[in-house]
């Protein structure tokens, strides 16, 4: 029965670093989306 009690998440393999990298990627993607939204101004000739 002890084999059924397996932690679903382990903090051993640098998971805090991986969470930080994931957060930076998400922030970068959101920033890129906002930059593209801001540069959508049409040029008038």
C-alpha atoms as a PDB file:
ATOM      1  CA  UNK A   1       0.000   0.000   0.000  1.00  0.00           C
ATOM      2  CA  UNK A   2       2.927   2.369   0.503  1.00  0.00           C
ATOM      3  CA  UNK A   3       3.652   2.309  -3.224  1.00  0.00           C
ATOM      4  CA  UNK A   4       0.333   4.040  -3.868  1.00  0.00           C
ATOM      5  CA  UNK A   5       1.417   7.118  -1.882  1.00  0.00           C
ATOM      6  CA  UNK A   6       3.667   8.654  -4.529  1.00  0.00           C
ATOM      7  CA  UNK A   7       4.092  12.417  -4.500  1.00  0.00           C
ATOM      8  CA  UNK A   8       2.798  13.937  -7.713  1.00  0.00           C
ATOM      9  CA  UNK A   9       5.337  16.760  -7.522  1.00  0.00           C
ATOM     10  CA  UNK A  10       8.946  16.636  -6.378  1.00  0.00           C
ATOM     11  CA  UNK A  11      11.145  19.613  -5.550  1.00  0.00           C
ATOM     12  CA  UNK A  12      14.373  17.697  -6.158  1.00  0.00           C
ATOM     13  CA  UNK A  13      15.432  18.268  -9.750  1.00  0.00           C
ATOM     14  CA  UNK A  14      15.687  22.053  -9.799  1.00  0.00           C
ATOM     15  CA  UNK A  15      11.965  22.484 -10.185  1.00  0.00           C
ATOM     16  CA  UNK A  16      12.081  26.009  -8.758  1.00  0.00           C
ATOM     17  CA  UNK A  17      14.444  26.972 -11.576  1.00  0.00           C
ATOM     18  CA  UNK A  18      12.149  25.344 -14.110  1.00  0.00           C
ATOM     19  CA  UNK A  19       9.151  27.219 -12.681  1.00  0.00           C
ATOM     20  CA  UNK A  20      11.138  30.462 -12.973  1.00  0.00           C
ATOM     21  CA  UNK A  21      12.095  29.731 -16.588  1.00  0.00           C
ATOM     22  CA  UNK A  22       8.487  28.876 -17.415  1.00  0.00           C
ATOM     23  CA  UNK A  23       7.301  32.125 -15.816  1.00  0.00           C
ATOM     24  CA  UNK A  24       9.859  34.129 -17.831  1.00  0.00           C
ATOM     25  CA  UNK A  25       8.732  32.453 -21.058  1.00  0.00           C
ATOM     26  CA  UNK A  26       5.085  33.238 -20.316  1.00  0.00           C
ATOM     27  CA  UNK A  27       5.919  36.869 -19.478  1.00  0.00           C
ATOM     28  CA  UNK A  28       7.937  37.131 -22.696  1.00  0.00           C
ATOM     29  CA  UNK A  29       5.071  35.750 -24.778  1.00  0.00           C
ATOM     30  CA  UNK A  30       2.558  38.123 -23.199  1.00  0.00           C
ATOM     31  CA  UNK A  31       4.961  41.036 -23.752  1.00  0.00           C
ATOM     32  CA  UNK A  32       5.409  40.093 -27.400  1.00  0.00           C
ATOM     33  CA  UNK A  33       1.635  39.971 -27.853  1.00  0.00           C
ATOM     34  CA  UNK A  34       1.282  43.462 -26.358  1.00  0.00           C
ATOM     35  CA  UNK A  35       4.067  44.780 -28.574  1.00  0.00           C
ATOM     36  CA  UNK A  36       2.353  43.364 -31.651  1.00  0.00           C
ATOM     37  CA  UNK A  37      -0.958  44.856 -30.548  1.00  0.00           C
ATOM     38  CA  UNK A  38       0.671  48.257 -30.113  1.00  0.00           C
ATOM     39  CA  UNK A  39       2.386  48.212 -33.488  1.00  0.00           C
ATOM     40  CA  UNK A  40      -0.825  47.545 -35.402  1.00  0.00           C
ATOM     41  CA  UNK A  41      -1.196  51.196 -36.411  1.00  0.00           C
ATOM     42  CA  UNK A  42      -2.005  51.589 -40.091  1.00  0.00           C
ATOM     43  CA  UNK A  43       0.106  54.082 -42.036  1.00  0.00           C
ATOM     44  CA  UNK A  44      -1.809  56.805 -43.853  1.00  0.00           C
ATOM     45  CA  UNK A  45      -0.395  57.777 -47.229  1.00  0.00           C
END
